[in-house]
């Protein structure tokens, strides 16, 4: 389980990005836990999308573990229009949609 930090903003992404890439290289499937996140910005959401694209290139998967998205991530997704009532189809590479 890859736990996202309390501060999931551009202030911490330079440190977090290589750790996330390392997890993607090491594991076939990376499960995210966003419950500890207390602050998130668009840069944090963009890192999740970029990680999902990178995972697809590696032939791997990444996503939130069931019930581990967290209220702050969910609210940020809704605020920027990324929350959707159902998951995307199989062609969508976005880690942010659906429930989980």
N, C-alpha and C. Protein backbone atom coordinates (compact mmCIF):
# COMPACT_ATOMS: atom_id res chain seq x y z
N UNK A 1 0.86 -1.18 0.00
CA UNK A 1 0.00 0.00 0.00
C UNK A 1 0.91 1.24 0.00
N UNK A 2 0.63 2.14 -0.93
CA UNK A 2 1.39 3.38 -1.02
C UNK A 2 0.56 4.48 -0.39
N UNK A 3 1.01 4.98 0.76
CA UNK A 3 0.27 6.00 1.50
C UNK A 3 0.66 7.40 1.03
N UNK A 4 -0.33 8.15 0.61
CA UNK A 4 -0.09 9.53 0.22
C UNK A 4 0.08 10.38 1.47
N UNK A 5 0.93 11.40 1.42
CA UNK A 5 1.22 12.21 2.60
C UNK A 5 0.10 13.19 2.93
N UNK A 6 0.13 13.72 4.13
CA UNK A 6 -0.85 14.74 4.55
C UNK A 6 -0.84 15.92 3.60
N UNK A 7 0.36 16.37 3.23
CA UNK A 7 0.52 17.49 2.30
C UNK A 7 0.79 16.91 0.92
N UNK A 8 -0.26 16.78 0.13
CA UNK A 8 -0.15 16.22 -1.22
C UNK A 8 -0.30 17.37 -2.21
N UNK A 9 0.66 18.30 -2.12
CA UNK A 9 0.66 19.49 -2.96
C UNK A 9 2.00 19.59 -3.67
N UNK A 10 2.13 20.61 -4.51
CA UNK A 10 3.38 20.78 -5.23
C UNK A 10 4.57 20.95 -4.30
N UNK A 11 4.32 21.26 -3.04
CA UNK A 11 5.40 21.40 -2.06
C UNK A 11 6.11 20.09 -1.77
N UNK A 12 5.44 18.96 -1.95
CA UNK A 12 6.01 17.66 -1.61
C UNK A 12 6.19 16.73 -2.81
N UNK A 13 5.71 17.12 -3.97
CA UNK A 13 5.71 16.21 -5.11
C UNK A 13 7.10 15.87 -5.63
N UNK A 14 8.05 16.77 -5.51
CA UNK A 14 9.41 16.47 -5.97
C UNK A 14 9.99 15.29 -5.19
N UNK A 15 9.66 15.18 -3.92
CA UNK A 15 10.12 14.07 -3.10
C UNK A 15 9.29 12.81 -3.34
N UNK A 16 8.00 12.99 -3.57
CA UNK A 16 7.07 11.86 -3.69
C UNK A 16 7.15 11.17 -5.05
N UNK A 17 7.35 11.91 -6.10
CA UNK A 17 7.33 11.34 -7.45
C UNK A 17 8.29 10.17 -7.62
N UNK A 18 9.58 10.29 -7.24
CA UNK A 18 10.47 9.14 -7.43
C UNK A 18 10.07 7.92 -6.60
N UNK A 19 9.49 8.14 -5.43
CA UNK A 19 9.03 7.02 -4.61
C UNK A 19 7.86 6.29 -5.28
N UNK A 20 6.98 7.06 -5.88
CA UNK A 20 5.84 6.47 -6.59
C UNK A 20 6.31 5.70 -7.82
N UNK A 21 7.25 6.27 -8.56
CA UNK A 21 7.80 5.57 -9.73
C UNK A 21 8.52 4.29 -9.32
N UNK A 22 9.23 4.33 -8.22
CA UNK A 22 9.91 3.14 -7.70
C UNK A 22 8.90 2.04 -7.37
N UNK A 23 7.79 2.42 -6.75
CA UNK A 23 6.74 1.45 -6.43
C UNK A 23 6.17 0.85 -7.71
N UNK A 24 5.99 1.68 -8.74
CA UNK A 24 5.46 1.18 -10.02
C UNK A 24 6.43 0.22 -10.70
N UNK A 25 7.71 0.48 -10.59
CA UNK A 25 8.70 -0.40 -11.18
C UNK A 25 8.78 -1.73 -10.43
N UNK A 26 8.60 -1.69 -9.13
CA UNK A 26 8.77 -2.87 -8.27
C UNK A 26 7.53 -3.77 -8.26
N UNK A 27 6.34 -3.19 -8.23
CA UNK A 27 5.11 -3.95 -8.01
C UNK A 27 4.25 -4.00 -9.27
N UNK A 28 3.53 -5.09 -9.44
CA UNK A 28 2.61 -5.23 -10.58
C UNK A 28 1.38 -4.33 -10.42
N UNK A 29 0.96 -4.14 -9.19
CA UNK A 29 -0.21 -3.32 -8.90
C UNK A 29 0.09 -2.48 -7.66
N UNK A 30 -0.10 -1.18 -7.78
CA UNK A 30 0.13 -0.27 -6.66
C UNK A 30 -1.23 0.20 -6.15
N UNK A 31 -1.48 -0.06 -4.89
CA UNK A 31 -2.71 0.38 -4.24
C UNK A 31 -2.41 1.65 -3.45
N UNK A 32 -3.16 2.70 -3.72
CA UNK A 32 -2.97 3.98 -3.04
C UNK A 32 -3.90 4.10 -1.84
N UNK A 33 -3.39 4.80 -0.83
CA UNK A 33 -4.18 5.13 0.35
C UNK A 33 -4.11 6.64 0.54
N UNK A 34 -5.22 7.34 0.31
CA UNK A 34 -5.26 8.79 0.41
C UNK A 34 -5.95 9.31 1.66
N UNK A 35 -6.20 8.42 2.61
CA UNK A 35 -6.95 8.83 3.81
C UNK A 35 -6.21 9.82 4.69
N UNK A 36 -4.88 9.86 4.65
CA UNK A 36 -4.12 10.79 5.49
C UNK A 36 -4.01 12.18 4.88
N UNK A 37 -4.37 12.33 3.61
CA UNK A 37 -4.22 13.61 2.92
C UNK A 37 -5.11 14.66 3.59
N UNK A 38 -4.49 15.77 3.95
CA UNK A 38 -5.21 16.90 4.56
C UNK A 38 -5.23 18.11 3.64
N UNK A 39 -4.30 18.11 2.67
CA UNK A 39 -4.22 19.22 1.71
C UNK A 39 -3.78 18.64 0.36
N UNK A 40 -4.52 19.01 -0.68
CA UNK A 40 -4.20 18.56 -2.04
C UNK A 40 -4.44 19.72 -2.99
N UNK A 41 -3.63 19.78 -4.03
CA UNK A 41 -3.85 20.79 -5.06
C UNK A 41 -3.89 20.10 -6.42
N UNK A 42 -4.04 20.88 -7.47
CA UNK A 42 -4.15 20.31 -8.80
C UNK A 42 -2.86 19.57 -9.18
N UNK A 43 -1.73 20.03 -8.69
CA UNK A 43 -0.47 19.33 -8.97
C UNK A 43 -0.49 17.91 -8.40
N UNK A 44 -1.07 17.73 -7.22
CA UNK A 44 -1.21 16.40 -6.64
C UNK A 44 -2.10 15.52 -7.48
N UNK A 45 -3.23 16.06 -7.93
CA UNK A 45 -4.13 15.29 -8.79
C UNK A 45 -3.46 14.96 -10.12
N UNK A 46 -2.68 15.89 -10.64
CA UNK A 46 -1.98 15.64 -11.90
C UNK A 46 -0.95 14.52 -11.73
N UNK A 47 -0.29 14.45 -10.59
CA UNK A 47 0.67 13.37 -10.36
C UNK A 47 -0.03 12.01 -10.40
N UNK A 48 -1.24 11.94 -9.85
CA UNK A 48 -1.99 10.68 -9.90
C UNK A 48 -2.30 10.28 -11.34
N UNK A 49 -2.70 11.24 -12.15
CA UNK A 49 -2.98 10.95 -13.56
C UNK A 49 -1.70 10.51 -14.29
N UNK A 50 -0.60 11.20 -14.03
CA UNK A 50 0.67 10.85 -14.67
C UNK A 50 1.12 9.46 -14.22
N UNK A 51 0.92 9.14 -12.96
CA UNK A 51 1.29 7.81 -12.45
C UNK A 51 0.46 6.73 -13.13
N UNK A 52 -0.80 7.01 -13.37
CA UNK A 52 -1.66 6.03 -14.04
C UNK A 52 -1.20 5.80 -15.48
N UNK A 53 -0.83 6.87 -16.16
CA UNK A 53 -0.31 6.72 -17.51
C UNK A 53 1.00 5.93 -17.52
N UNK A 54 1.87 6.21 -16.56
CA UNK A 54 3.14 5.51 -16.47
C UNK A 54 2.92 4.02 -16.18
N UNK A 55 1.99 3.74 -15.30
CA UNK A 55 1.67 2.34 -14.98
C UNK A 55 1.21 1.62 -16.24
N UNK A 56 0.38 2.26 -17.04
CA UNK A 56 -0.11 1.65 -18.27
C UNK A 56 1.06 1.35 -19.22
N UNK A 57 2.03 2.24 -19.28
CA UNK A 57 3.21 2.01 -20.13
C UNK A 57 4.01 0.80 -19.65
N UNK A 58 4.05 0.60 -18.34
CA UNK A 58 4.76 -0.53 -17.74
C UNK A 58 3.93 -1.82 -17.79
N UNK A 59 2.67 -1.71 -18.23
CA UNK A 59 1.78 -2.87 -18.21
C UNK A 59 1.35 -3.23 -16.80
N UNK A 60 1.26 -2.23 -15.94
CA UNK A 60 0.91 -2.44 -14.54
C UNK A 60 -0.34 -1.63 -14.21
N UNK A 61 -0.76 -1.71 -12.96
CA UNK A 61 -1.95 -0.96 -12.56
C UNK A 61 -1.68 -0.16 -11.29
N UNK A 62 -2.45 0.91 -11.15
CA UNK A 62 -2.39 1.74 -9.96
C UNK A 62 -3.79 2.27 -9.71
N UNK A 63 -4.16 2.37 -8.47
CA UNK A 63 -5.46 2.91 -8.11
C UNK A 63 -5.64 2.94 -6.61
N UNK A 64 -6.69 3.56 -6.17
CA UNK A 64 -6.97 3.61 -4.75
C UNK A 64 -7.49 2.27 -4.27
N UNK A 65 -6.97 1.83 -3.15
CA UNK A 65 -7.50 0.63 -2.51
C UNK A 65 -8.94 0.92 -2.11
N UNK A 66 -9.77 -0.11 -2.00
CA UNK A 66 -11.18 0.11 -1.61
C UNK A 66 -11.30 0.94 -0.33
N UNK A 67 -12.15 1.94 -0.40
CA UNK A 67 -12.43 2.83 0.73
C UNK A 67 -11.21 3.62 1.20
N UNK A 68 -10.22 3.80 0.33
CA UNK A 68 -8.98 4.49 0.74
C UNK A 68 -8.70 5.78 -0.01
N UNK A 69 -9.69 6.29 -0.73
CA UNK A 69 -9.46 7.54 -1.45
C UNK A 69 -9.32 8.70 -0.47
N UNK A 70 -10.17 8.76 0.51
CA UNK A 70 -10.10 9.84 1.49
C UNK A 70 -10.97 11.01 1.12
N UNK A 71 -11.50 11.67 2.13
CA UNK A 71 -12.45 12.76 1.94
C UNK A 71 -11.83 13.97 1.23
N UNK A 72 -10.58 14.28 1.53
CA UNK A 72 -9.94 15.47 0.93
C UNK A 72 -9.71 15.24 -0.56
N UNK A 73 -9.24 14.06 -0.93
CA UNK A 73 -9.04 13.74 -2.35
C UNK A 73 -10.39 13.77 -3.07
N UNK A 74 -11.39 13.17 -2.46
CA UNK A 74 -12.73 13.15 -3.06
C UNK A 74 -13.27 14.56 -3.28
N UNK A 75 -13.10 15.42 -2.28
CA UNK A 75 -13.58 16.81 -2.40
C UNK A 75 -12.82 17.57 -3.49
N UNK A 76 -11.51 17.35 -3.59
CA UNK A 76 -10.72 18.01 -4.62
C UNK A 76 -11.14 17.56 -6.00
N UNK A 77 -11.40 16.27 -6.16
CA UNK A 77 -11.86 15.75 -7.44
C UNK A 77 -13.18 16.38 -7.84
N UNK A 78 -14.08 16.52 -6.89
CA UNK A 78 -15.37 17.13 -7.16
C UNK A 78 -15.20 18.60 -7.54
N UNK A 79 -14.33 19.30 -6.82
CA UNK A 79 -14.13 20.73 -7.06
C UNK A 79 -13.59 21.02 -8.45
N UNK A 80 -12.75 20.13 -8.98
CA UNK A 80 -12.16 20.38 -10.30
C UNK A 80 -12.87 19.62 -11.42
N UNK A 81 -13.97 18.96 -11.07
CA UNK A 81 -14.77 18.30 -12.08
C UNK A 81 -14.31 16.90 -12.47
N UNK A 82 -13.51 16.26 -11.63
CA UNK A 82 -13.03 14.91 -11.94
C UNK A 82 -13.90 13.81 -11.35
N UNK A 83 -14.76 14.15 -10.43
CA UNK A 83 -15.64 13.13 -9.84
C UNK A 83 -16.71 12.77 -10.85
N UNK A 84 -16.93 11.48 -11.02
CA UNK A 84 -17.92 11.00 -11.99
C UNK A 84 -18.79 9.95 -11.33
N UNK A 85 -20.03 9.82 -11.78
CA UNK A 85 -20.94 8.86 -11.14
C UNK A 85 -20.58 7.41 -11.42
N UNK A 86 -19.78 7.16 -12.46
CA UNK A 86 -19.40 5.78 -12.76
C UNK A 86 -17.98 5.79 -13.31
N UNK A 87 -17.29 4.66 -13.24
CA UNK A 87 -15.93 4.61 -13.78
C UNK A 87 -15.92 4.81 -15.29
N UNK A 88 -14.80 5.23 -15.79
CA UNK A 88 -14.62 5.35 -17.23
C UNK A 88 -14.61 3.96 -17.86
N UNK A 89 -14.71 3.93 -19.16
CA UNK A 89 -14.63 2.64 -19.85
C UNK A 89 -13.17 2.15 -19.87
N UNK A 90 -12.94 1.04 -20.50
CA UNK A 90 -11.62 0.41 -20.48
C UNK A 90 -10.55 1.22 -21.20
N UNK A 91 -10.94 2.20 -21.99
CA UNK A 91 -9.96 3.01 -22.70
C UNK A 91 -9.46 4.20 -21.88
N UNK A 92 -10.13 4.49 -20.80
CA UNK A 92 -9.75 5.61 -19.96
C UNK A 92 -8.57 5.21 -19.08
N UNK A 93 -7.60 6.08 -18.94
CA UNK A 93 -6.43 5.80 -18.12
C UNK A 93 -6.44 6.58 -16.81
N UNK A 94 -7.55 7.21 -16.48
CA UNK A 94 -7.57 8.06 -15.30
C UNK A 94 -7.78 7.24 -14.03
N UNK A 95 -6.88 7.44 -13.07
CA UNK A 95 -6.96 6.75 -11.78
C UNK A 95 -8.00 7.40 -10.86
N UNK A 96 -8.46 8.57 -11.23
CA UNK A 96 -9.28 9.35 -10.31
C UNK A 96 -10.77 9.06 -10.38
N UNK A 97 -11.21 8.31 -11.35
CA UNK A 97 -12.65 8.12 -11.51
C UNK A 97 -13.11 6.83 -10.85
N UNK A 98 -14.39 6.71 -10.71
CA UNK A 98 -14.97 5.52 -10.09
C UNK A 98 -14.91 5.61 -8.58
N UNK A 99 -15.37 4.59 -7.96
CA UNK A 99 -15.37 4.54 -6.50
C UNK A 99 -14.42 3.44 -6.06
N UNK A 100 -13.69 3.70 -5.02
CA UNK A 100 -12.78 2.69 -4.52
C UNK A 100 -11.91 3.24 -3.44
